[in-house]
Amino acid sequence: MIGLIVAYTNNRVIGNAGKIPWRIKGEQRRFRELTTGNVVIMGRRSYDEIGHPLPNRFTIVLSNTASYEEENCTTVSSLEEAIKLAAERFPDKNIYISGGAGVYRAAMDLVDVMYITEIDAEIEGDTFFPEFDESAFTKTVDEQVEGDISYAYVTYRRK
């Protein structure tokens, strides 16, 4: 399974100045639950924001300029190479594409499912999740979480 996992606001913001521009208690729970024990593919800037390999996951970083070779982490130069590596080394694990915007754009036609956290807020940002053809997917709202900033866990499965 190739999945995409993202959180974005009503105005599709996913980042601002290289950081996630919100801190919402509990919002990252789904990311941990889904990706733990699996493979996560992300771009260099997303990896640099985190600063280390994610625990209990194999992280593949996409970069043409940097090289990360650590325990449970490696670097490749393309999304296609990352997916091939993940499928060969971990055939029984799910693959999750986790950003940033350019990686999401490149992955949009490759993913089977998208796990999206829709944050009910307009937040200023400079990096956005790309538009996609919602008619190519079946949408399910899995959980609605109310709070100071409410959000919903939504799943889009390719038809």
Protein backbone atom coordinates (compact mmCIF):
# COMPACT_ATOMS: atom_id res chain seq x y z
CA MET A 1 0.00 0.00 0.00
CA ILE A 2 1.26 3.44 -0.90
CA GLY A 3 -0.36 6.11 1.20
CA LEU A 4 0.01 9.82 1.57
CA ILE A 5 -0.32 11.43 4.98
CA VAL A 6 -0.75 15.15 5.56
CA ALA A 7 -2.38 17.77 7.74
CA TYR A 8 -3.59 20.98 6.16
CA THR A 9 -5.79 23.95 6.97
CA ASN A 10 -8.93 25.21 5.26
CA ASN A 11 -6.65 27.28 2.99
CA ARG A 12 -4.51 24.16 2.31
CA VAL A 13 -1.47 25.44 4.26
CA ILE A 14 1.01 22.73 5.27
CA GLY A 15 3.98 24.92 6.21
CA ASN A 16 5.36 28.36 6.87
CA ALA A 17 9.05 29.28 6.78
CA GLY A 18 10.04 25.60 6.84
CA LYS A 19 7.92 24.71 9.90
CA ILE A 20 4.46 23.36 10.63
CA PRO A 21 2.62 26.58 11.60
CA TRP A 22 0.39 25.12 14.31
CA ARG A 23 0.61 23.14 17.52
CA ILE A 24 -2.65 21.35 18.20
CA LYS A 25 -2.71 18.92 21.10
CA GLY A 26 -3.25 15.37 19.84
CA GLU A 27 -3.32 16.28 16.14
CA GLN A 28 -0.27 14.15 15.27
CA ARG A 29 -1.67 10.99 16.92
CA ARG A 30 -2.91 9.55 13.62
CA PHE A 31 0.46 10.10 11.94
CA ARG A 32 2.20 8.08 14.68
CA GLU A 33 -0.43 5.33 14.68
CA LEU A 34 -0.34 4.81 10.93
CA THR A 35 3.36 5.19 10.22
CA THR A 36 4.89 3.35 13.19
CA GLY A 37 6.41 0.07 12.00
CA ASN A 38 6.25 1.15 8.36
CA VAL A 39 8.23 3.18 5.80
CA VAL A 40 8.03 6.97 5.61
CA ILE A 41 9.22 8.90 2.54
CA MET A 42 9.82 12.64 2.84
CA GLY A 43 11.71 15.45 1.22
CA ARG A 44 14.90 16.90 2.64
CA ARG A 45 13.30 20.05 4.05
CA SER A 46 10.63 18.00 5.86
CA TYR A 47 13.36 15.78 7.27
CA ASP A 48 15.46 18.78 8.32
CA GLU A 49 12.49 20.18 10.25
CA ILE A 50 12.28 16.95 12.26
CA GLY A 51 16.07 16.67 12.49
CA HIS A 52 16.35 12.90 13.04
CA PRO A 53 14.96 9.58 11.82
CA LEU A 54 11.47 8.87 13.13
CA PRO A 55 11.46 6.21 15.87
CA ASN A 56 10.19 2.74 14.96
CA ARG A 57 9.97 3.54 11.24
CA PHE A 58 12.30 3.36 8.27
CA THR A 59 12.73 6.85 6.84
CA ILE A 60 13.71 7.50 3.22
CA VAL A 61 14.74 11.09 2.53
CA LEU A 62 14.53 12.50 -0.99
CA SER A 63 17.46 14.77 -1.79
CA ASN A 64 19.91 15.58 -4.56
CA THR A 65 22.07 17.74 -2.29
CA ALA A 66 22.27 16.02 1.11
CA SER A 67 22.91 12.49 2.29
CA TYR A 68 21.42 10.98 5.43
CA GLU A 69 22.70 7.52 6.25
CA GLU A 70 21.73 6.58 9.77
CA GLU A 71 20.11 3.66 11.50
CA ASN A 72 16.63 3.29 9.95
CA CYS A 73 17.26 6.16 7.53
CA THR A 74 18.70 6.53 4.04
CA THR A 75 18.70 9.02 1.17
CA VAL A 76 17.70 8.56 -2.47
CA SER A 77 17.31 11.08 -5.28
CA SER A 78 13.77 10.40 -6.55
CA LEU A 79 10.35 9.36 -5.37
CA GLU A 80 10.35 6.43 -7.80
CA GLU A 81 13.67 5.20 -6.37
CA ALA A 82 12.31 5.57 -2.82
CA ILE A 83 9.18 3.55 -3.55
CA LYS A 84 11.21 0.84 -5.30
CA LEU A 85 13.67 0.65 -2.37
CA ALA A 86 10.84 0.48 0.17
CA ALA A 87 9.00 -2.24 -1.75
CA GLU A 88 12.16 -4.34 -2.15
CA ARG A 89 13.52 -4.00 1.40
CA PHE A 90 10.18 -4.03 3.22
CA PRO A 91 7.65 -5.89 1.07
CA ASP A 92 5.32 -6.46 4.02
CA LYS A 93 5.22 -2.82 5.16
CA ASN A 94 3.07 0.12 4.12
CA ILE A 95 4.68 3.14 2.48
CA TYR A 96 3.65 6.63 3.59
CA ILE A 97 4.54 9.79 1.66
CA SER A 98 4.81 12.56 4.25
CA GLY A 99 5.81 15.77 2.47
CA GLY A 100 6.59 18.38 1.50
CA ALA A 101 4.54 20.03 -1.20
CA GLY A 102 6.72 18.95 -4.15
CA VAL A 103 6.80 15.35 -2.95
CA TYR A 104 3.02 15.37 -2.49
CA ARG A 105 2.58 16.72 -6.03
CA ALA A 106 4.84 13.99 -7.44
CA ALA A 107 3.05 11.27 -5.44
CA MET A 108 -0.54 12.25 -6.17
CA ASP A 109 -1.00 9.82 -9.09
CA LEU A 110 0.85 6.99 -7.30
CA VAL A 111 -1.02 6.75 -4.00
CA ASP A 112 -3.75 4.26 -3.19
CA VAL A 113 -5.01 6.16 -0.18
CA MET A 114 -4.61 9.60 1.38
CA TYR A 115 -4.86 10.12 5.13
CA ILE A 116 -5.63 13.80 5.56
CA THR A 117 -6.09 15.76 8.75
CA GLU A 118 -8.31 18.69 7.82
CA ILE A 119 -7.65 21.51 10.28
CA ASP A 120 -10.63 23.83 10.64
CA ALA A 121 -8.70 27.10 10.56
CA GLU A 122 -7.17 29.61 8.18
CA ILE A 123 -3.49 29.81 9.09
CA GLU A 124 -0.87 31.90 7.35
CA GLY A 125 1.68 29.93 5.39
CA ASP A 126 3.90 29.75 2.35
CA THR A 127 3.64 26.05 1.51
CA PHE A 128 0.41 24.44 0.36
CA PHE A 129 -0.99 20.97 -0.30
CA PRO A 130 -1.74 20.63 -4.03
CA GLU A 131 -5.25 20.51 -5.43
CA PHE A 132 -6.35 17.00 -6.44
CA ASP A 133 -9.24 15.38 -8.27
CA GLU A 134 -11.54 14.40 -5.41
CA SER A 135 -13.78 12.48 -7.85
CA ALA A 136 -10.98 9.88 -8.22
CA PHE A 137 -11.38 8.99 -4.53
CA THR A 138 -14.00 7.85 -2.07
CA LYS A 139 -13.94 10.13 0.98
CA THR A 140 -14.60 8.93 4.53
CA VAL A 141 -14.59 11.12 7.63
CA ASP A 142 -13.04 8.84 10.25
CA GLU A 143 -13.09 11.10 13.30
CA GLN A 144 -14.05 14.68 14.15
CA VAL A 145 -12.09 16.25 17.02
CA GLU A 146 -13.46 19.40 18.65
CA GLY A 147 -11.25 21.88 20.47
CA ASP A 148 -9.82 25.39 20.33
CA ILE A 149 -8.91 24.44 16.78
CA SER A 150 -11.07 21.55 15.56
CA TYR A 151 -9.90 19.01 13.00
CA ALA A 152 -11.10 15.90 11.22
CA TYR A 153 -9.28 12.74 10.23
CA VAL A 154 -10.36 12.02 6.65
CA THR A 155 -9.43 9.12 4.38
CA TYR A 156 -9.53 9.29 0.58
CA ARG A 157 -9.33 5.85 -1.10
CA ARG A 158 -8.67 5.69 -4.82
CA LYS A 159 -11.70 4.33 -6.70
